[in-house]
């Protein structure tokens, strides 16, 4: 663990106060720093050898740097992935940020009826607005899409234990979580239908028995299959479900509201309105992907089913707080007012290549004279967030080859800057994709590259 270790008496282990003095000024809360110092000194006491004092201090300083870097903070996303799960998915619109500030800094009418002065319903406005936007009878919101799925499954399997799902839709989502495991964690039984590559309507019909609680269709939003494949349309499944009197639920995941073709993408992402028109009884999707809002699980569909879900005891455990409602309300209003260009995740997909190239040229000019080889490159952007897996978009990149350090070291130095600047290495170049960097961040990018390139000399 420590680079310089000598045989010493345990009495030579420094006091906590001595180590704190050597660390000097630190911007982390003092209790955190004291706790970490005590923990490391305790580990040293359990060992036979005691490192030199300087080695102890340097090691703890590195631990503090790692702890500081793990704090939630803004980053500059030059990865070329618009909805990046690791970077917090969809950036919020200015209107949503304003709503967060106004609602979070004071009291609100979260559960208060201003007309009667009695207790009111949480989320009345947002539910009506979402229903209108998705062309549904009703809608509600929980804290994420996985929670929405668990709530739906728990409700419908109260008397019947089986959920029917195609083997080709047992997908794995981010963080290693799998749809099947999430459903089974709700205490129900999966009835797998068809084969991985082929699931026909007859497969569903044969699988529906007295224990079938619902048919679940999961949109393949983060992968695609080609070749000898077949899947059953939502409309066909919905017709079968109605005939058999079994509810049909569709998990869309990414939650596209606007037609993805308008971004120049050939691949079509189904919308909640389309899924409901095709016969789904309930549709759930994420609020922080193509919808462009905060993390939330949005459920739309039949009024009687939504009302039943809201009566579930689990619904209270999964409900959203005032900040989610505030940001989501502002985002829904932008959709309803057809101001989607003000939603960052959508706006980034609509930027022209000419504008991106012009920004790239301006940045490259400002980096002249540094110990770097600079070029304007071509980027291939992915939508990300489990959306449109077959589609990419063209973009412009700043391509950098540092002359005084390795590519990996250069990337690490940019990640350590304030704010962190994150790109990727390809074709023996460090690349920053401008489609996922906001124009107001260009100055920060230039400043960070200047600092990194000169400090490496």
Protein backbone atom coordinates (compact mmCIF):
# COMPACT_ATOMS: atom_id res chain seq x y z
CA UNK A 1 0.00 0.00 0.00
CA UNK A 2 2.75 2.45 0.96
CA UNK A 3 5.91 2.96 -1.08
CA UNK A 4 8.37 3.42 1.80
CA UNK A 5 7.98 1.04 4.73
CA UNK A 6 10.52 0.44 7.51
CA UNK A 7 10.45 -1.56 10.71
CA UNK A 8 9.27 0.83 13.41
CA UNK A 9 7.59 0.67 16.74
CA UNK A 10 3.84 1.10 16.76
CA UNK A 11 4.49 4.05 19.06
CA UNK A 12 5.81 5.88 16.02
CA UNK A 13 2.41 5.86 14.36
CA UNK A 14 1.55 9.57 14.11
CA UNK A 15 -1.33 11.16 15.95
CA UNK A 16 -4.44 12.08 14.01
CA UNK A 17 -3.82 15.77 14.67
CA UNK A 18 -0.30 15.59 13.24
CA UNK A 19 -1.55 14.05 10.00
CA UNK A 20 -4.34 16.64 9.75
CA UNK A 21 -1.81 19.45 10.16
CA UNK A 22 0.36 17.97 7.40
CA UNK A 23 -2.62 17.73 5.04
CA UNK A 24 -3.08 21.49 5.46
CA UNK A 25 -6.13 23.11 3.86
CA UNK A 26 -8.76 20.72 2.56
CA UNK A 27 -12.11 21.63 1.02
CA UNK A 28 -13.83 18.43 2.16
CA UNK A 29 -15.92 18.48 5.34
CA UNK A 30 -13.60 18.04 8.32
CA UNK A 31 -15.51 15.04 9.81
CA UNK A 32 -14.97 13.15 6.54
CA UNK A 33 -11.24 13.90 6.55
CA UNK A 34 -10.83 13.00 10.24
CA UNK A 35 -12.74 9.75 9.72
CA UNK A 36 -10.58 8.75 6.79
CA UNK A 37 -7.34 9.56 8.66
CA UNK A 38 -8.44 7.55 11.68
CA UNK A 39 -9.42 4.62 9.49
CA UNK A 40 -6.04 4.52 7.72
CA UNK A 41 -4.07 4.86 10.96
CA UNK A 42 -6.12 2.03 12.42
CA UNK A 43 -5.14 -0.19 9.48
CA UNK A 44 -1.48 0.65 10.03
CA UNK A 45 -1.74 -0.32 13.73
CA UNK A 46 -2.92 -3.77 12.67
CA UNK A 47 0.25 -4.34 10.62
CA UNK A 48 3.73 -5.31 11.68
CA UNK A 49 5.47 -2.46 9.87
CA UNK A 50 4.90 1.28 10.07
CA UNK A 51 5.44 3.44 6.95
CA UNK A 52 7.33 6.71 7.09
CA UNK A 53 5.27 9.74 8.03
CA UNK A 54 5.60 11.32 4.58
CA UNK A 55 4.40 8.12 2.95
CA UNK A 56 1.35 8.00 5.21
CA UNK A 57 0.43 11.60 4.44
CA UNK A 58 0.87 11.17 0.68
CA UNK A 59 -1.26 8.04 0.66
CA UNK A 60 -4.07 9.71 2.61
CA UNK A 61 -3.86 12.74 0.33
CA UNK A 62 -4.43 10.45 -2.68
CA UNK A 63 -7.41 8.87 -0.94
CA UNK A 64 -8.85 12.32 -0.31
CA UNK A 65 -8.37 13.23 -3.97
CA UNK A 66 -10.27 10.08 -4.98
CA UNK A 67 -13.03 10.87 -2.49
CA UNK A 68 -13.30 14.45 -3.77
CA UNK A 69 -13.51 13.25 -7.38
CA UNK A 70 -16.41 10.94 -6.45
CA UNK A 71 -18.61 13.86 -5.35
CA UNK A 72 -21.50 14.59 -7.73
CA UNK A 73 -20.33 17.41 -9.98
CA UNK A 74 -20.83 18.71 -13.53
CA UNK A 75 -18.69 17.21 -16.29
CA UNK A 76 -18.14 18.20 -19.91
CA UNK A 77 -19.30 15.32 -22.09
CA UNK A 78 -17.17 14.96 -25.20
CA UNK A 79 -17.95 11.25 -25.57
CA UNK A 80 -20.35 11.56 -28.49
CA UNK A 81 -23.13 9.81 -26.54
CA UNK A 82 -26.05 12.19 -26.07
CA UNK A 83 -27.98 10.36 -23.36
CA UNK A 84 -25.11 8.94 -21.34
CA UNK A 85 -26.29 6.94 -18.33
CA UNK A 86 -22.94 7.34 -16.56
CA UNK A 87 -23.18 11.12 -16.97
CA UNK A 88 -26.72 11.49 -15.61
CA UNK A 89 -28.63 10.86 -18.84
CA UNK A 90 -30.66 13.79 -20.21
CA UNK A 91 -29.53 17.29 -19.18
CA UNK A 92 -32.47 19.32 -17.91
CA UNK A 93 -33.98 22.25 -19.78
CA UNK A 94 -33.48 25.78 -18.39
CA UNK A 95 -37.20 25.87 -17.58
CA UNK A 96 -36.82 22.70 -15.52
CA UNK A 97 -33.82 24.15 -13.67
CA UNK A 98 -35.82 27.30 -12.94
CA UNK A 99 -38.70 25.18 -11.63
CA UNK A 100 -36.31 23.24 -9.39
CA UNK A 101 -34.93 26.44 -7.92
CA UNK A 102 -38.31 28.04 -7.34
CA UNK A 103 -39.95 24.93 -5.90
CA UNK A 104 -36.98 23.64 -3.92
CA UNK A 105 -36.11 26.93 -2.21
CA UNK A 106 -39.51 27.50 -0.60
CA UNK A 107 -42.77 25.77 0.31
CA UNK A 108 -45.10 24.46 -2.41
CA UNK A 109 -48.62 23.15 -2.91
CA UNK A 110 -47.32 19.59 -3.35
CA UNK A 111 -50.33 18.08 -1.55
CA UNK A 112 -52.43 21.16 -0.86
CA UNK A 113 -55.60 22.26 -2.64
CA UNK A 114 -55.39 26.04 -3.05
CA UNK A 115 -59.12 26.26 -3.81
CA UNK A 116 -60.49 24.44 -0.75
CA UNK A 117 -57.48 24.75 1.60
CA UNK A 118 -57.78 20.99 2.18
CA UNK A 119 -55.22 18.31 1.49
CA UNK A 120 -54.81 17.89 -2.26
CA UNK A 121 -53.61 15.13 -4.55
CA UNK A 122 -49.92 14.87 -5.33
CA UNK A 123 -49.21 15.34 -9.03
CA UNK A 124 -52.71 16.16 -10.28
CA UNK A 125 -51.48 18.61 -12.91
CA UNK A 126 -48.59 16.47 -14.13
CA UNK A 127 -50.83 13.42 -14.48
CA UNK A 128 -53.39 15.27 -16.58
CA UNK A 129 -50.69 16.84 -18.73
CA UNK A 130 -48.94 13.50 -19.33
CA UNK A 131 -52.22 11.84 -20.25
CA UNK A 132 -52.90 14.55 -22.80
CA UNK A 133 -49.38 14.38 -24.20
CA UNK A 134 -49.46 10.59 -24.55
CA UNK A 135 -53.08 10.50 -25.77
CA UNK A 136 -53.99 8.27 -22.84
CA UNK A 137 -57.00 8.01 -20.53
CA UNK A 138 -54.79 8.56 -17.51
CA UNK A 139 -51.19 8.69 -16.29
CA UNK A 140 -49.07 8.62 -13.16
CA UNK A 141 -45.41 8.81 -12.16
CA UNK A 142 -43.02 6.83 -9.95
CA UNK A 143 -39.30 7.25 -9.37
CA UNK A 144 -37.95 5.28 -12.37
CA UNK A 145 -39.04 2.90 -15.12
CA UNK A 146 -37.91 -0.21 -13.24
CA UNK A 147 -40.09 0.90 -10.33
CA UNK A 148 -43.00 1.36 -12.74
CA UNK A 149 -42.54 -2.20 -13.98
CA UNK A 150 -42.35 -3.62 -10.45
CA UNK A 151 -45.50 -1.72 -9.43
CA UNK A 152 -47.42 -2.98 -12.46
CA UNK A 153 -46.26 -6.57 -12.00
CA UNK A 154 -47.03 -6.60 -8.27
CA UNK A 155 -50.54 -5.30 -8.89
CA UNK A 156 -51.58 -7.68 -11.64
CA UNK A 157 -50.09 -10.80 -10.04
CA UNK A 158 -52.05 -10.50 -6.81
CA UNK A 159 -54.20 -13.52 -7.77
CA UNK A 160 -52.37 -14.92 -10.79
CA UNK A 161 -48.61 -15.56 -10.57
CA UNK A 162 -47.44 -15.63 -14.21
CA UNK A 163 -46.08 -12.91 -16.49
CA UNK A 164 -45.75 -13.82 -20.18
CA UNK A 165 -42.73 -12.39 -21.98
CA UNK A 166 -40.89 -13.28 -25.19
CA UNK A 167 -37.48 -14.90 -24.73
CA UNK A 168 -36.17 -12.35 -27.21
CA UNK A 169 -37.10 -9.53 -24.82
CA UNK A 170 -35.37 -10.74 -21.65
CA UNK A 171 -32.94 -7.89 -21.96
CA UNK A 172 -30.21 -6.63 -19.66
CA UNK A 173 -30.22 -2.93 -18.88
CA UNK A 174 -27.49 -0.73 -17.41
CA UNK A 175 -25.57 -1.77 -14.31
CA UNK A 176 -26.05 -5.48 -14.97
CA UNK A 177 -29.76 -5.47 -14.12
CA UNK A 178 -31.95 -7.81 -16.13
CA UNK A 179 -35.64 -7.44 -16.84
CA UNK A 180 -36.34 -11.02 -15.77
CA UNK A 181 -34.57 -10.55 -12.45
CA UNK A 182 -36.40 -7.30 -11.76
CA UNK A 183 -39.75 -9.01 -12.39
CA UNK A 184 -38.87 -12.08 -10.32
CA UNK A 185 -37.73 -9.79 -7.48
CA UNK A 186 -41.35 -8.68 -7.32
CA UNK A 187 -42.19 -12.24 -6.30
CA UNK A 188 -43.79 -13.48 -9.52
CA UNK A 189 -43.11 -16.21 -12.04
CA UNK A 190 -41.90 -15.56 -15.59
CA UNK A 191 -43.45 -17.61 -18.35
CA UNK A 192 -41.01 -17.38 -21.25
CA UNK A 193 -42.62 -17.41 -24.68
CA UNK A 194 -41.17 -18.48 -28.04
CA UNK A 195 -37.46 -18.61 -28.86
CA UNK A 196 -34.73 -16.00 -28.59
CA UNK A 197 -34.93 -15.11 -32.27
CA UNK A 198 -38.54 -16.01 -33.08
CA UNK A 199 -41.73 -15.41 -31.11
CA UNK A 200 -45.02 -15.83 -32.95
CA UNK A 201 -48.56 -14.93 -31.98
CA UNK A 202 -49.31 -18.63 -31.60
CA UNK A 203 -46.52 -18.88 -29.02
CA UNK A 204 -48.34 -16.32 -26.89
CA UNK A 205 -51.70 -18.01 -27.44
CA UNK A 206 -50.39 -21.41 -26.32
CA UNK A 207 -48.74 -19.91 -23.21
CA UNK A 208 -51.86 -18.16 -21.90
CA UNK A 209 -53.32 -20.28 -19.15
CA UNK A 210 -55.36 -19.81 -15.97
CA UNK A 211 -52.31 -18.43 -14.12
CA UNK A 212 -51.50 -15.74 -16.70
CA UNK A 213 -51.66 -12.31 -15.06
CA UNK A 214 -50.54 -10.21 -18.02
CA UNK A 215 -48.59 -10.15 -21.25
CA UNK A 216 -45.50 -7.96 -21.12
CA UNK A 217 -43.74 -6.65 -24.21
CA UNK A 218 -40.35 -5.01 -23.67
CA UNK A 219 -39.07 -2.77 -26.44
CA UNK A 220 -35.58 -3.73 -27.59
CA UNK A 221 -34.28 -0.24 -27.13
CA UNK A 222 -30.64 -1.08 -26.38
CA UNK A 223 -29.93 -3.82 -28.95
CA UNK A 224 -31.27 -5.26 -32.19
CA UNK A 225 -31.43 -8.67 -33.86
CA UNK A 226 -31.19 -9.41 -37.55
CA UNK A 227 -31.21 -12.48 -39.72
CA UNK A 228 -33.57 -15.38 -39.03
CA UNK A 229 -35.80 -13.42 -36.65
CA UNK A 230 -39.48 -12.79 -36.11
CA UNK A 231 -41.40 -10.90 -33.46
CA UNK A 232 -45.09 -10.30 -32.98
CA UNK A 233 -46.49 -6.80 -33.41
CA UNK A 234 -48.00 -4.95 -30.48
CA UNK A 235 -51.34 -4.71 -32.28
CA UNK A 236 -51.52 -8.49 -32.71
CA UNK A 237 -50.60 -9.16 -29.09
CA UNK A 238 -53.15 -6.59 -27.94
CA UNK A 239 -55.92 -8.26 -29.94
CA UNK A 240 -55.03 -11.65 -28.44
CA UNK A 241 -54.89 -10.17 -24.93
CA UNK A 242 -58.37 -8.67 -25.34
CA UNK A 243 -59.73 -12.01 -26.59
CA UNK A 244 -58.21 -13.86 -23.64
CA UNK A 245 -59.08 -11.06 -21.19
CA UNK A 246 -55.48 -10.66 -20.08
CA UNK A 247 -53.96 -7.16 -19.64
CA UNK A 248 -51.25 -6.17 -22.12
CA UNK A 249 -48.41 -3.93 -20.89
CA UNK A 250 -45.63 -2.46 -23.02
CA UNK A 251 -42.34 -1.20 -21.56
CA UNK A 252 -40.95 1.32 -24.06
CA UNK A 253 -37.93 2.31 -21.98
CA UNK A 254 -36.60 5.36 -23.78
CA UNK A 255 -39.80 7.40 -23.95
CA UNK A 256 -39.59 9.17 -27.30
CA UNK A 257 -42.40 11.68 -27.69
CA UNK A 258 -41.31 13.34 -30.93
CA UNK A 259 -40.70 11.35 -34.10
CA UNK A 260 -37.05 10.32 -34.17
CA UNK A 261 -37.04 10.61 -37.97
CA UNK A 262 -36.95 14.39 -37.63
CA UNK A 263 -33.34 14.08 -36.39
CA UNK A 264 -32.31 12.52 -39.69
CA UNK A 265 -32.43 9.05 -38.12
CA UNK A 266 -34.04 6.34 -40.21
CA UNK A 267 -34.78 4.11 -37.23
CA UNK A 268 -38.18 4.74 -35.64
CA UNK A 269 -38.56 4.75 -31.88
CA UNK A 270 -42.18 3.94 -30.91
CA UNK A 271 -43.96 6.59 -28.87
CA UNK A 272 -46.34 5.99 -25.94
CA UNK A 273 -49.24 7.33 -28.02
CA UNK A 274 -48.49 4.80 -30.78
CA UNK A 275 -48.26 1.92 -28.30
CA UNK A 276 -51.59 2.84 -26.75
CA UNK A 277 -53.24 3.17 -30.16
CA UNK A 278 -51.92 -0.30 -30.98
CA UNK A 279 -53.89 -1.64 -28.03
CA UNK A 280 -51.61 -1.66 -24.98
CA UNK A 281 -53.52 -1.27 -21.73
CA UNK A 282 -50.56 0.33 -20.00
CA UNK A 283 -47.28 1.78 -21.26
CA UNK A 284 -44.28 2.71 -19.11
CA UNK A 285 -41.15 4.64 -20.06
CA UNK A 286 -38.30 6.67 -18.56
CA UNK A 287 -38.45 10.40 -17.96
CA UNK A 288 -34.71 11.03 -18.32
CA UNK A 289 -34.01 9.58 -21.75
CA UNK A 290 -35.54 10.83 -25.01
CA UNK A 291 -38.27 12.53 -23.02
CA UNK A 292 -35.56 14.90 -21.81
CA UNK A 293 -36.61 15.31 -18.18
CA UNK A 294 -35.57 14.07 -14.72
CA UNK A 295 -35.36 10.45 -13.66
CA UNK A 296 -38.90 9.13 -13.43
CA UNK A 297 -41.01 6.15 -14.41
CA UNK A 298 -44.02 7.36 -16.36
CA UNK A 299 -47.06 5.08 -16.67
CA UNK A 300 -49.88 5.89 -19.08
CA UNK A 301 -52.95 3.98 -20.23
CA UNK A 302 -56.38 2.83 -19.08
CA UNK A 303 -57.87 4.98 -16.31
CA UNK A 304 -59.08 2.05 -14.22
CA UNK A 305 -55.64 0.43 -14.23
CA UNK A 306 -53.85 3.67 -13.33
CA UNK A 307 -56.29 4.26 -10.47
CA UNK A 308 -55.69 0.73 -9.21
CA UNK A 309 -51.91 1.17 -9.32
CA UNK A 310 -52.18 4.36 -7.26
CA UNK A 311 -54.09 2.45 -4.58
CA UNK A 312 -51.25 -0.04 -4.16
CA UNK A 313 -49.33 0.33 -0.86
CA UNK A 314 -46.11 0.05 -2.86
CA UNK A 315 -47.03 3.18 -4.81
CA UNK A 316 -46.25 5.39 -1.82
CA UNK A 317 -42.77 3.87 -1.50
CA UNK A 318 -42.09 4.52 -5.20
CA UNK A 319 -43.62 7.98 -5.55
CA UNK A 320 -41.65 11.04 -6.65
CA UNK A 321 -40.74 14.05 -4.55
CA UNK A 322 -41.45 17.73 -5.20
CA UNK A 323 -38.21 18.28 -7.15
CA UNK A 324 -38.94 15.51 -9.65
CA UNK A 325 -42.49 16.83 -10.10
CA UNK A 326 -41.20 20.37 -10.63
CA UNK A 327 -38.65 19.39 -13.29
CA UNK A 328 -41.01 16.93 -14.97
CA UNK A 329 -43.85 19.45 -15.04
CA UNK A 330 -41.66 22.01 -16.80
CA UNK A 331 -40.48 19.40 -19.32
CA UNK A 332 -44.02 18.22 -20.08
CA UNK A 333 -45.13 21.82 -20.62
CA UNK A 334 -42.33 22.28 -23.17
CA UNK A 335 -43.56 19.18 -25.03
CA UNK A 336 -47.17 20.34 -24.96
CA UNK A 337 -46.23 23.82 -26.16
CA UNK A 338 -44.14 22.24 -28.95
CA UNK A 339 -40.97 23.86 -27.65
CA UNK A 340 -38.89 20.69 -27.76
CA UNK A 341 -35.92 22.61 -29.18
CA UNK A 342 -35.53 23.99 -25.63
CA UNK A 343 -35.04 20.47 -24.25
CA UNK A 344 -31.24 19.89 -24.36
CA UNK A 345 -31.28 16.17 -25.22
CA UNK A 346 -33.46 16.89 -28.25
CA UNK A 347 -31.68 20.13 -29.18
CA UNK A 348 -28.28 18.38 -29.31
CA UNK A 349 -29.64 15.91 -31.85
CA UNK A 350 -30.86 18.77 -34.07
CA UNK A 351 -27.62 20.78 -34.35
CA UNK A 352 -26.41 20.98 -37.96
CA UNK A 353 -23.01 19.64 -38.98
CA UNK A 354 -22.11 23.08 -40.36
CA UNK A 355 -22.47 24.63 -36.91
CA UNK A 356 -20.43 21.85 -35.35
CA UNK A 357 -17.62 22.27 -37.89
CA UNK A 358 -17.59 26.04 -37.34
CA UNK A 359 -17.21 25.55 -33.60
CA UNK A 360 -14.49 22.97 -34.14
CA UNK A 361 -12.55 25.36 -36.37
CA UNK A 362 -12.83 28.17 -33.80
CA UNK A 363 -11.58 25.91 -31.00
CA UNK A 364 -8.70 24.61 -33.12
CA UNK A 365 -7.59 28.18 -33.89
CA UNK A 366 -7.49 29.02 -30.19
CA UNK A 367 -5.27 26.02 -29.46
CA UNK A 368 -2.52 26.99 -31.89
CA UNK A 369 0.98 27.26 -30.43
CA UNK A 370 0.45 24.57 -27.82
CA UNK A 371 2.53 21.36 -27.77
CA UNK A 372 -0.31 19.51 -29.46
CA UNK A 373 -1.17 18.23 -32.89
CA UNK A 374 -4.70 19.53 -33.52
CA UNK A 375 -7.08 18.48 -36.28
CA UNK A 376 -10.80 18.72 -36.98
CA UNK A 377 -12.12 15.19 -37.21
CA UNK A 378 -15.31 13.31 -37.95
CA UNK A 379 -17.42 11.85 -35.18
CA UNK A 380 -20.12 9.21 -35.08
CA UNK A 381 -22.65 10.01 -32.37
CA UNK A 382 -24.92 7.55 -30.63
CA UNK A 383 -28.18 8.62 -29.00
CA UNK A 384 -27.47 6.39 -25.99
CA UNK A 385 -29.59 5.68 -22.94
CA UNK A 386 -30.86 2.43 -24.42
CA UNK A 387 -32.30 4.21 -27.46
CA UNK A 388 -32.02 3.63 -31.21
CA UNK A 389 -29.24 0.98 -31.10
CA UNK A 390 -28.94 0.77 -34.91
CA UNK A 391 -28.67 4.52 -35.49
CA UNK A 392 -25.79 6.96 -35.48
CA UNK A 393 -25.38 10.62 -36.40
CA UNK A 394 -22.48 12.45 -37.98
CA UNK A 395 -20.59 14.99 -35.92
CA UNK A 396 -17.37 17.01 -35.72
CA UNK A 397 -14.56 16.35 -33.28
CA UNK A 398 -11.45 18.04 -31.99
CA UNK A 399 -8.67 15.48 -32.52
CA UNK A 400 -5.60 15.90 -30.33
CA UNK A 401 -2.20 14.20 -30.26
CA UNK A 402 -0.12 15.57 -27.35
CA UNK A 403 3.62 15.91 -27.96
CA UNK A 404 4.76 15.76 -24.34
CA UNK A 405 2.71 12.91 -22.84
CA UNK A 406 0.78 9.79 -23.80
CA UNK A 407 -2.83 9.83 -24.96
CA UNK A 408 -3.92 8.01 -21.79
CA UNK A 409 -2.09 10.52 -19.59
CA UNK A 410 -3.59 13.45 -21.51
CA UNK A 411 -7.10 12.01 -21.11
CA UNK A 412 -6.51 11.46 -17.38
CA UNK A 413 -5.30 15.03 -16.91
CA UNK A 414 -8.43 16.39 -18.62
CA UNK A 415 -10.62 14.20 -16.40
CA UNK A 416 -8.85 15.72 -13.39
CA UNK A 417 -9.48 19.30 -14.53
CA UNK A 418 -12.21 21.52 -13.10
CA UNK A 419 -14.72 20.86 -14.53
CA UNK A 420 -13.68 17.41 -15.76
CA UNK A 421 -13.49 17.15 -19.57
CA UNK A 422 -14.21 13.66 -20.87
CA UNK A 423 -13.47 12.41 -24.37
CA UNK A 424 -12.32 9.14 -25.88
CA UNK A 425 -9.29 7.68 -27.65
CA UNK A 426 -9.67 6.36 -31.21
CA UNK A 427 -7.32 5.98 -34.17
CA UNK A 428 -4.36 6.98 -31.98
CA UNK A 429 -5.95 10.35 -31.20
CA UNK A 430 -7.78 11.85 -28.25
CA UNK A 431 -11.18 13.04 -29.49
CA UNK A 432 -13.77 15.45 -28.14
CA UNK A 433 -17.14 15.27 -29.90
CA UNK A 434 -18.81 18.67 -30.14
CA UNK A 435 -22.37 17.38 -30.54
CA UNK A 436 -22.39 16.48 -26.85
CA UNK A 437 -20.55 19.61 -25.70
CA UNK A 438 -22.72 22.68 -25.21
CA UNK A 439 -21.53 25.83 -27.01
CA UNK A 440 -21.26 27.74 -23.73
CA UNK A 441 -18.71 25.12 -22.62
CA UNK A 442 -16.28 25.77 -25.47
CA UNK A 443 -14.28 28.33 -23.43
CA UNK A 444 -13.98 25.84 -20.56
CA UNK A 445 -12.74 23.16 -22.97
CA UNK A 446 -10.10 25.48 -24.44
CA UNK A 447 -8.93 26.58 -20.98
CA UNK A 448 -8.69 22.98 -19.76
CA UNK A 449 -6.68 21.86 -22.80
CA UNK A 450 -4.30 24.81 -22.38
CA UNK A 451 -3.71 24.03 -18.70
CA UNK A 452 -3.21 20.32 -19.31
CA UNK A 453 -0.89 20.72 -22.28
CA UNK A 454 1.34 23.29 -20.56
CA UNK A 455 1.47 21.51 -17.19
CA UNK A 456 2.68 18.35 -18.91
CA UNK A 457 5.84 20.09 -20.16
